[in-house]
C-alpha atoms as a PDB file:
ATOM      1  CA  MET A   1      -8.147  19.170   4.464  1.00  0.00           C
ATOM      2  CA  ARG A   2      -9.534  17.790   7.558  1.00  0.00           C
ATOM      3  CA  LYS A   3      -9.183  19.629  10.883  1.00  0.00           C
ATOM      4  CA  LEU A   4      -7.995  17.866  13.980  1.00  0.00           C
ATOM      5  CA  SER A   5      -9.142  18.944  17.330  1.00  0.00           C
ATOM      6  CA  SER A   6      -6.549  16.447  19.149  1.00  0.00           C
ATOM      7  CA  LYS A   7      -4.008  13.675  18.430  1.00  0.00           C
ATOM      8  CA  LEU A   8      -4.865  11.350  15.563  1.00  0.00           C
ATOM      9  CA  THR A   9      -6.524   7.952  16.555  1.00  0.00           C
ATOM     10  CA  LEU A  10      -6.983   4.562  14.929  1.00  0.00           C
ATOM     11  CA  LYS A  11     -10.333   3.050  15.061  1.00  0.00           C
ATOM     12  CA  ASP A  12     -11.223   1.377  11.703  1.00  0.00           C
ATOM     13  CA  CYS A  13      -9.589  -1.166   9.579  1.00  0.00           C
ATOM     14  CA  LEU A  14     -10.543  -1.753   5.831  1.00  0.00           C
ATOM     15  CA  ILE A  15      -9.996  -5.459   4.549  1.00  0.00           C
ATOM     16  CA  ILE A  16      -9.326  -5.860   0.787  1.00  0.00           C
ATOM     17  CA  HIS A  17     -10.941  -9.087  -0.202  1.00  0.00           C
ATOM     18  CA  LEU A  18     -11.706 -10.253  -3.605  1.00  0.00           C
ATOM     19  CA  GLU A  19     -15.497 -12.185  -3.273  1.00  0.00           C
ATOM     20  CA  ARG A  20     -14.530 -14.889  -5.455  1.00  0.00           C
ATOM     21  CA  SER A  21     -11.227 -15.794  -3.457  1.00  0.00           C
ATOM     22  CA  VAL A  22     -13.269 -18.808  -1.348  1.00  0.00           C
ATOM     23  CA  GLU A  23      -9.687 -20.132  -0.131  1.00  0.00           C
ATOM     24  CA  ARG A  24      -9.000 -16.754   1.535  1.00  0.00           C
ATOM     25  CA  LYS A  25     -12.144 -16.215   3.323  1.00  0.00           C
ATOM     26  CA  PRO A  26     -10.826 -18.205   6.600  1.00  0.00           C
ATOM     27  CA  GLN A  27      -7.884 -15.681   7.035  1.00  0.00           C
ATOM     28  CA  VAL A  28     -10.444 -12.744   6.378  1.00  0.00           C
ATOM     29  CA  ARG A  29     -12.454 -14.018   9.086  1.00  0.00           C
ATOM     30  CA  LYS A  30      -9.346 -14.416  11.351  1.00  0.00           C
ATOM     31  CA  LEU A  31      -8.270 -10.968  10.772  1.00  0.00           C
ATOM     32  CA  LYS A  32     -11.470  -9.350  11.597  1.00  0.00           C
ATOM     33  CA  LYS A  33     -11.559 -11.483  14.811  1.00  0.00           C
ATOM     34  CA  ASN A  34      -8.239 -10.697  15.912  1.00  0.00           C
ATOM     35  CA  LEU A  35      -7.674  -7.004  14.930  1.00  0.00           C
ATOM     36  CA  PRO A  36      -8.784  -4.526  17.733  1.00  0.00           C
ATOM     37  CA  TYR A  37     -10.612  -2.110  15.228  1.00  0.00           C
ATOM     38  CA  ARG A  38     -13.915  -1.961  13.789  1.00  0.00           C
ATOM     39  CA  THR A  39     -13.365  -3.839  10.373  1.00  0.00           C
ATOM     40  CA  LYS A  40     -15.022  -3.564   7.026  1.00  0.00           C
ATOM     41  CA  VAL A  41     -14.407  -5.806   4.194  1.00  0.00           C
ATOM     42  CA  VAL A  42     -14.059  -3.685   1.129  1.00  0.00           C
ATOM     43  CA  GLU A  43     -14.751  -5.857  -2.120  1.00  0.00           C
ATOM     44  CA  ALA A  44     -11.864  -5.984  -4.359  1.00  0.00           C
ATOM     45  CA  VAL A  45     -12.000  -4.803  -7.859  1.00  0.00           C
ATOM     46  CA  ASP A  46     -11.911  -8.167  -9.960  1.00  0.00           C
ATOM     47  CA  GLY A  47      -9.343  -7.788 -12.692  1.00  0.00           C
ATOM     48  CA  SER A  48     -11.035 -10.922 -14.407  1.00  0.00           C
ATOM     49  CA  ASN A  49     -14.433  -9.092 -14.828  1.00  0.00           C
ATOM     50  CA  PRO A  50     -14.954  -8.326 -18.501  1.00  0.00           C
ATOM     51  CA  ASP A  51     -17.324  -5.731 -17.549  1.00  0.00           C
ATOM     52  CA  ASN A  52     -14.444  -3.578 -15.876  1.00  0.00           C
ATOM     53  CA  ASP A  53     -13.515  -0.820 -18.199  1.00  0.00           C
ATOM     54  CA  PHE A  54      -9.585  -0.246 -17.273  1.00  0.00           C
ATOM     55  CA  SER A  55      -8.839   2.053 -19.964  1.00  0.00           C
ATOM     56  CA  LYS A  56     -10.231   5.087 -18.429  1.00  0.00           C
ATOM     57  CA  SER A  57      -7.867   4.787 -15.611  1.00  0.00           C
ATOM     58  CA  TYR A  58      -4.880   3.068 -16.876  1.00  0.00           C
ATOM     59  CA  ILE A  59      -2.805   5.323 -19.356  1.00  0.00           C
ATOM     60  CA  PRO A  60       0.694   4.010 -20.048  1.00  0.00           C
ATOM     61  CA  SER A  61       3.719   6.086 -19.957  1.00  0.00           C
ATOM     62  CA  LEU A  62       1.726   8.890 -18.065  1.00  0.00           C
ATOM     63  CA  LEU A  63       4.704   9.880 -15.638  1.00  0.00           C
ATOM     64  CA  ARG A  64       8.339   9.924 -15.642  1.00  0.00           C
ATOM     65  CA  PRO A  65      10.576   8.123 -15.219  1.00  0.00           C
ATOM     66  CA  ARG A  66       8.629   5.943 -17.596  1.00  0.00           C
ATOM     67  CA  TYR A  67       7.510   2.691 -16.381  1.00  0.00           C
ATOM     68  CA  PRO A  68       8.799  -0.132 -18.772  1.00  0.00           C
ATOM     69  CA  PHE A  69       6.193  -2.978 -18.467  1.00  0.00           C
ATOM     70  CA  SER A  70       2.559  -2.934 -19.305  1.00  0.00           C
ATOM     71  CA  LEU A  71       0.300  -3.546 -16.478  1.00  0.00           C
ATOM     72  CA  ARG A  72      -1.864  -6.583 -16.178  1.00  0.00           C
ATOM     73  CA  SER A  73      -5.608  -6.635 -15.377  1.00  0.00           C
ATOM     74  CA  ALA A  74      -4.826  -7.637 -11.892  1.00  0.00           C
ATOM     75  CA  GLU A  75      -2.209  -4.850 -11.248  1.00  0.00           C
ATOM     76  CA  VAL A  76      -4.878  -2.324 -12.307  1.00  0.00           C
ATOM     77  CA  ALA A  77      -7.688  -3.843 -10.236  1.00  0.00           C
ATOM     78  CA  CYS A  78      -5.249  -3.871  -7.334  1.00  0.00           C
ATOM     79  CA  PHE A  79      -4.800   0.026  -7.748  1.00  0.00           C
ATOM     80  CA  GLN A  80      -8.417   0.410  -8.096  1.00  0.00           C
ATOM     81  CA  SER A  81      -9.126  -1.561  -5.104  1.00  0.00           C
ATOM     82  CA  HIS A  82      -6.901   0.668  -2.951  1.00  0.00           C
ATOM     83  CA  ARG A  83      -8.564   3.722  -4.230  1.00  0.00           C
ATOM     84  CA  LYS A  84     -11.799   2.157  -3.290  1.00  0.00           C
ATOM     85  CA  CYS A  85     -10.563   2.146   0.384  1.00  0.00           C
ATOM     86  CA  TRP A  86      -9.058   5.807   0.122  1.00  0.00           C
ATOM     87  CA  GLN A  87     -12.521   6.822  -1.100  1.00  0.00           C
ATOM     88  CA  GLU A  88     -14.005   4.892   1.981  1.00  0.00           C
ATOM     89  CA  ILE A  89     -11.826   7.043   4.446  1.00  0.00           C
ATOM     90  CA  LEU A  90     -13.335  10.255   2.929  1.00  0.00           C
ATOM     91  CA  ASP A  91     -16.840   9.099   2.694  1.00  0.00           C
ATOM     92  CA  ARG A  92     -16.889   8.045   6.193  1.00  0.00           C
ATOM     93  CA  ASP A  93     -14.684  10.993   7.392  1.00  0.00           C
ATOM     94  CA  LEU A  94     -12.350   8.806   9.174  1.00  0.00           C
ATOM     95  CA  GLU A  95      -9.177  10.306  10.510  1.00  0.00           C
ATOM     96  CA  ALA A  96      -7.194   7.352   9.490  1.00  0.00           C
ATOM     97  CA  ALA A  97      -7.694   3.804   8.744  1.00  0.00           C
ATOM     98  CA  LEU A  98      -5.660   0.394   8.550  1.00  0.00           C
ATOM     99  CA  ILE A  99      -5.790  -0.486   5.070  1.00  0.00           C
ATOM    100  CA  ILE A 100      -4.915  -4.472   4.973  1.00  0.00           C
ATOM    101  CA  GLU A 101      -4.854  -7.078   2.338  1.00  0.00           C
ATOM    102  CA  ASP A 102      -6.285 -10.644   2.749  1.00  0.00           C
ATOM    103  CA  ASP A 103      -3.207 -12.456   2.423  1.00  0.00           C
ATOM    104  CA  VAL A 104      -1.304 -11.535   5.589  1.00  0.00           C
ATOM    105  CA  ASP A 105      -1.143 -12.687   9.121  1.00  0.00           C
ATOM    106  CA  ILE A 106      -0.900 -10.470  12.418  1.00  0.00           C
ATOM    107  CA  ILE A 107       1.486 -11.351  15.218  1.00  0.00           C
ATOM    108  CA  ASP A 108      -0.497  -9.678  18.126  1.00  0.00           C
ATOM    109  CA  VAL A 109       2.055  -8.267  20.605  1.00  0.00           C
ATOM    110  CA  GLU A 110       4.509  -6.828  17.820  1.00  0.00           C
ATOM    111  CA  PHE A 111       1.748  -5.381  15.918  1.00  0.00           C
ATOM    112  CA  THR A 112       0.121  -3.620  18.609  1.00  0.00           C
ATOM    113  CA  SER A 113       3.420  -2.096  19.898  1.00  0.00           C
ATOM    114  CA  ALA A 114       4.121  -0.914  16.221  1.00  0.00           C
ATOM    115  CA  VAL A 115       0.713   0.679  15.992  1.00  0.00           C
ATOM    116  CA  ASP A 116       1.375   2.348  19.076  1.00  0.00           C
ATOM    117  CA  LEU A 117       4.535   3.941  18.028  1.00  0.00           C
ATOM    118  CA  ALA A 118       2.867   4.637  14.670  1.00  0.00           C
ATOM    119  CA  MET A 119       0.000   6.761  16.116  1.00  0.00           C
ATOM    120  CA  LYS A 120       2.403   8.564  18.376  1.00  0.00           C
ATOM    121  CA  GLU A 121       4.509  10.044  15.488  1.00  0.00           C
ATOM    122  CA  ILE A 122       2.036  10.178  12.594  1.00  0.00           C
ATOM    123  CA  GLN A 123       0.519  13.535  11.343  1.00  0.00           C
ATOM    124  CA  MET A 124      -2.358  14.159   9.294  1.00  0.00           C
ATOM    125  CA  GLY A 125      -1.480  13.868   5.724  1.00  0.00           C
ATOM    126  CA  ASP A 126       0.981  10.820   6.213  1.00  0.00           C
ATOM    127  CA  LEU A 127       0.807   7.259   5.122  1.00  0.00           C
ATOM    128  CA  VAL A 128       2.673   4.499   7.391  1.00  0.00           C
ATOM    129  CA  ARG A 129       3.883   1.482   5.600  1.00  0.00           C
ATOM    130  CA  PHE A 130       3.983  -2.157   7.127  1.00  0.00           C
ATOM    131  CA  PRO A 131       6.604  -3.909   5.254  1.00  0.00           C
ATOM    132  CA  ILE A 132       7.011  -7.509   4.777  1.00  0.00           C
ATOM    133  CA  LYS A 133      10.797  -7.337   4.589  1.00  0.00           C
ATOM    134  CA  PRO A 134      13.250  -4.541   6.075  1.00  0.00           C
ATOM    135  CA  ARG A 135      14.845  -3.451   2.842  1.00  0.00           C
ATOM    136  CA  GLU A 136      14.504   0.347   3.423  1.00  0.00           C
ATOM    137  CA  LYS A 137      16.969   3.004   4.638  1.00  0.00           C
ATOM    138  CA  PRO A 138      15.953   5.829   6.532  1.00  0.00           C
ATOM    139  CA  ILE A 139      16.499   9.599   5.128  1.00  0.00           C
ATOM    140  CA  ASN A 140      16.953  11.215   8.464  1.00  0.00           C
ATOM    141  CA  THR A 141      16.452  10.659  12.331  1.00  0.00           C
ATOM    142  CA  THR A 142      14.816   7.161  13.078  1.00  0.00           C
ATOM    143  CA  VAL A 143      12.457   7.211  16.051  1.00  0.00           C
ATOM    144  CA  LYS A 144      12.688   4.008  17.891  1.00  0.00           C
ATOM    145  CA  ARG A 145      10.892   2.064  21.141  1.00  0.00           C
ATOM    146  CA  ASP A 146      11.027  -1.140  22.187  1.00  0.00           C
ATOM    147  CA  ASN A 147      13.186  -2.163  19.292  1.00  0.00           C
ATOM    148  CA  ILE A 148      10.723  -0.875  16.895  1.00  0.00           C
ATOM    149  CA  SER A 149      11.556   1.960  14.419  1.00  0.00           C
ATOM    150  CA  ILE A 150       9.744   4.246  12.320  1.00  0.00           C
ATOM    151  CA  PHE A 151      11.455   6.611   9.593  1.00  0.00           C
ATOM    152  CA  GLU A 152      11.201   8.119   6.234  1.00  0.00           C
ATOM    153  CA  PRO A 153      12.912   5.838   3.923  1.00  0.00           C
ATOM    154  CA  THR A 154      15.424   7.191   1.115  1.00  0.00           C
ATOM    155  CA  LEU A 155      13.189   5.314  -1.275  1.00  0.00           C
ATOM    156  CA  VAL A 156       9.690   3.730  -0.525  1.00  0.00           C
ATOM    157  CA  GLY A 157      10.027  -0.022  -0.467  1.00  0.00           C
ATOM    158  CA  LEU A 158       7.275  -2.307  -2.630  1.00  0.00           C
ATOM    159  CA  GLY A 159       4.294  -3.969  -1.324  1.00  0.00           C
ATOM    160  CA  THR A 160       0.952  -2.501  -0.040  1.00  0.00           C
ATOM    161  CA  GLN A 161      -0.090  -5.461   2.245  1.00  0.00           C
ATOM    162  CA  ALA A 162      -0.644  -3.035   5.483  1.00  0.00           C
ATOM    163  CA  GLN A 163      -0.600   0.289   5.818  1.00  0.00           C
ATOM    164  CA  ILE A 164      -2.387   3.106   7.783  1.00  0.00           C
ATOM    165  CA  VAL A 165      -3.718   5.930   5.649  1.00  0.00           C
ATOM    166  CA  THR A 166      -4.694   9.384   7.131  1.00  0.00           C
ATOM    167  CA  TYR A 167      -7.755  11.273   5.688  1.00  0.00           C
ATOM    168  CA  ASP A 168      -5.803  13.841   3.901  1.00  0.00           C
ATOM    169  CA  ALA A 169      -3.034  11.314   2.437  1.00  0.00           C
ATOM    170  CA  ALA A 170      -6.287   9.432   1.188  1.00  0.00           C
ATOM    171  CA  SER A 171      -7.853  12.636  -0.211  1.00  0.00           C
ATOM    172  CA  GLN A 172      -4.468  13.790  -2.032  1.00  0.00           C
ATOM    173  CA  LEU A 173      -3.808  10.153  -3.560  1.00  0.00           C
ATOM    174  CA  LEU A 174      -7.017  10.216  -4.751  1.00  0.00           C
ATOM    175  CA  GLU A 175      -6.954  13.412  -6.516  1.00  0.00           C
ATOM    176  CA  LYS A 176      -3.584  12.359  -7.989  1.00  0.00           C
ATOM    177  CA  THR A 177      -4.039   8.816  -9.129  1.00  0.00           C
ATOM    178  CA  GLU A 178      -7.494   9.558 -11.165  1.00  0.00           C
ATOM    179  CA  HIS A 179      -5.108   8.081 -13.991  1.00  0.00           C
ATOM    180  CA  PHE A 180      -2.183   6.218 -13.221  1.00  0.00           C
ATOM    181  CA  ASP A 181       0.446   4.115 -15.597  1.00  0.00           C
ATOM    182  CA  ARG A 182       2.220   1.689 -12.884  1.00  0.00           C
ATOM    183  CA  PRO A 183       1.257  -0.840  -9.903  1.00  0.00           C
ATOM    184  CA  ILE A 184       0.227   0.982  -6.859  1.00  0.00           C
ATOM    185  CA  ASP A 185       3.525   0.137  -4.831  1.00  0.00           C
ATOM    186  CA  VAL A 186       5.789   1.544  -7.619  1.00  0.00           C
ATOM    187  CA  TYR A 187       3.535   4.706  -7.634  1.00  0.00           C
ATOM    188  CA  LEU A 188       3.897   5.371  -3.882  1.00  0.00           C
ATOM    189  CA  GLN A 189       7.669   5.727  -4.747  1.00  0.00           C
ATOM    190  CA  LEU A 190       7.218   8.822  -6.721  1.00  0.00           C
ATOM    191  CA  ARG A 191       6.953  11.035  -3.666  1.00  0.00           C
ATOM    192  CA  TRP A 192       7.290  14.111  -5.980  1.00  0.00           C
ATOM    193  CA  GLU A 193       4.226  13.146  -7.802  1.00  0.00           C
ATOM    194  CA  HIS A 194       1.717  12.657  -5.014  1.00  0.00           C
ATOM    195  CA  GLY A 195       3.420  14.721  -2.158  1.00  0.00           C
ATOM    196  CA  VAL A 196       2.575  12.402   0.597  1.00  0.00           C
ATOM    197  CA  ARG A 197       4.975  11.956   3.120  1.00  0.00           C
ATOM    198  CA  ILE A 198       5.471   7.996   3.565  1.00  0.00           C
ATOM    199  CA  LEU A 199       6.694   6.363   6.973  1.00  0.00           C
ATOM    200  CA  THR A 200       8.106   2.932   7.202  1.00  0.00           C
ATOM    201  CA  LEU A 201       7.532   0.983  10.532  1.00  0.00           C
ATOM    202  CA  TRP A 202       9.648  -1.878  11.303  1.00  0.00           C
ATOM    203  CA  PRO A 203       9.419  -4.693  12.737  1.00  0.00           C
ATOM    204  CA  ASN A 204       5.722  -4.425  12.639  1.00  0.00           C
ATOM    205  CA  GLY A 205       4.036  -7.898  13.246  1.00  0.00           C
ATOM    206  CA  VAL A 206       2.597  -8.173   9.747  1.00  0.00           C
ATOM    207  CA  ARG A 207       3.610 -11.260   8.040  1.00  0.00           C
ATOM    208  CA  ASP A 208       3.287 -12.298   4.438  1.00  0.00           C
ATOM    209  CA  TYR A 209       0.466 -15.485   4.463  1.00  0.00           C
ATOM    210  CA  SER A 210      -0.103 -15.775   0.455  1.00  0.00           C
ATOM    211  CA  SER A 211       2.085 -18.712   0.200  1.00  0.00           C
ATOM    212  CA  SER A 212      -0.544 -20.661   2.429  1.00  0.00           C
ATOM    213  CA  LEU A 213      -3.353 -19.299   0.246  1.00  0.00           C
ATOM    214  CA  GLY A 214      -2.146 -20.438  -2.923  1.00  0.00           C
ATOM    215  CA  GLY A 215       0.136 -17.761  -3.692  1.00  0.00           C
ATOM    216  CA  SER A 216      -0.390 -14.062  -4.831  1.00  0.00           C
ATOM    217  CA  LEU A 217      -3.203 -13.496  -7.260  1.00  0.00           C
ATOM    218  CA  ILE A 218      -1.104 -10.862  -9.279  1.00  0.00           C
ATOM    219  CA  GLY A 219       1.738 -13.258  -9.656  1.00  0.00           C
ATOM    220  CA  LYS A 220      -0.566 -15.952 -11.041  1.00  0.00           C
ATOM    221  CA  GLU A 221      -1.085 -14.035 -14.320  1.00  0.00           C
ATOM    222  CA  ARG A 222       2.603 -13.687 -15.286  1.00  0.00           C
ATOM    223  CA  LYS A 223       4.092 -15.926 -17.999  1.00  0.00           C
ATOM    224  CA  ASN A 224       7.571 -17.307 -17.732  1.00  0.00           C
ATOM    225  CA  SER A 225       8.650 -15.120 -20.581  1.00  0.00           C
ATOM    226  CA  ASP A 226       7.289 -12.067 -18.828  1.00  0.00           C
ATOM    227  CA  LYS A 227       9.104 -12.751 -15.652  1.00  0.00           C
ATOM    228  CA  LEU A 228      12.303 -12.955 -17.557  1.00  0.00           C
ATOM    229  CA  ARG A 229      11.859  -9.652 -19.278  1.00  0.00           C
ATOM    230  CA  ILE A 230      11.136  -8.123 -15.880  1.00  0.00           C
ATOM    231  CA  GLU A 231      14.204  -9.431 -14.449  1.00  0.00           C
ATOM    232  CA  LEU A 232      16.051  -7.863 -17.235  1.00  0.00           C
ATOM    233  CA  LEU A 233      14.373  -4.458 -17.240  1.00  0.00           C
ATOM    234  CA  ARG A 234      13.937  -3.838 -13.632  1.00  0.00           C
ATOM    235  CA  PRO A 235      17.517  -2.914 -12.722  1.00  0.00           C
ATOM    236  CA  LEU A 236      17.325  -0.178 -15.512  1.00  0.00           C
ATOM    237  CA  TYR A 237      14.232   1.355 -14.208  1.00  0.00           C
ATOM    238  CA  ARG A 238      15.375   1.147 -10.806  1.00  0.00           C
ATOM    239  CA  ALA A 239      18.454   3.282 -11.707  1.00  0.00           C
ATOM    240  CA  ARG A 240      16.373   5.579 -13.344  1.00  0.00           C
ATOM    241  CA  LEU A 241      14.245   6.167 -10.513  1.00  0.00           C
ATOM    242  CA  ASN A 242      16.932   6.483  -8.195  1.00  0.00           C
ATOM    243  CA  ILE A 243      18.518   9.444 -10.482  1.00  0.00           C
ATOM    244  CA  TYR A 244      14.901  10.845 -10.679  1.00  0.00           C
ATOM    245  CA  ALA A 245      14.578  10.949  -6.731  1.00  0.00           C
ATOM    246  CA  ARG A 246      17.898  12.610  -6.269  1.00  0.00           C
ATOM    247  CA  ILE A 247      17.065  15.397  -8.781  1.00  0.00           C
ATOM    248  CA  LYS A 248      13.682  15.834  -7.324  1.00  0.00           C
ATOM    249  CA  LYS A 249      14.995  16.275  -3.872  1.00  0.00           C
ATOM    250  CA  SER A 250      17.939  18.618  -4.856  1.00  0.00           C
END
């Protein structure tokens, strides 16, 4: 556990970028120019690289409720890319870092106000999400300033486009995810497994830019038959997840 002598500060940003994604490089340069932090591009794990052995980390049906879908290589690689960022936070002894994927855009004024609120409320050990859409409901009291809210959601939403991760949260998540069985955003919903307090910030000035960059790299792997199966099974998994969440909370 990292000891603090004062309030948490945010000075660093880690941008996840797949080196072979040439069409995304202009957006990476734009993010580096506009974000008011020391930025480092973290090379994403390439799911199409045959040299990557995913069998050591991906273990199906590891946790409960059981995740009903097999992970594609891009999903495993995405999880491992975020683990690289968590390790970077530890290696550089950062109090906290903004981890951002290369397919988002930033609305400067709104983003700055959102980060200011987050850094006033965040504690060591927290992770703060910047969701693309407002789909989450608060468990308890919402802190609000200038029309921006930060709260702990009843169920953590999906998506990992941008988040502030503190040192202790990175350490805890690394320890808990040496092996995993579901996508990173789905895993983060299992608060009883990882023990990290996850907060949601909305509105936050982060916008999805993937459609302007050719779409999601993960989504490109899906076949139409897979998409249909996912649509059929997803409501059942969500129902089980909500039951588990209520049981673990009680």
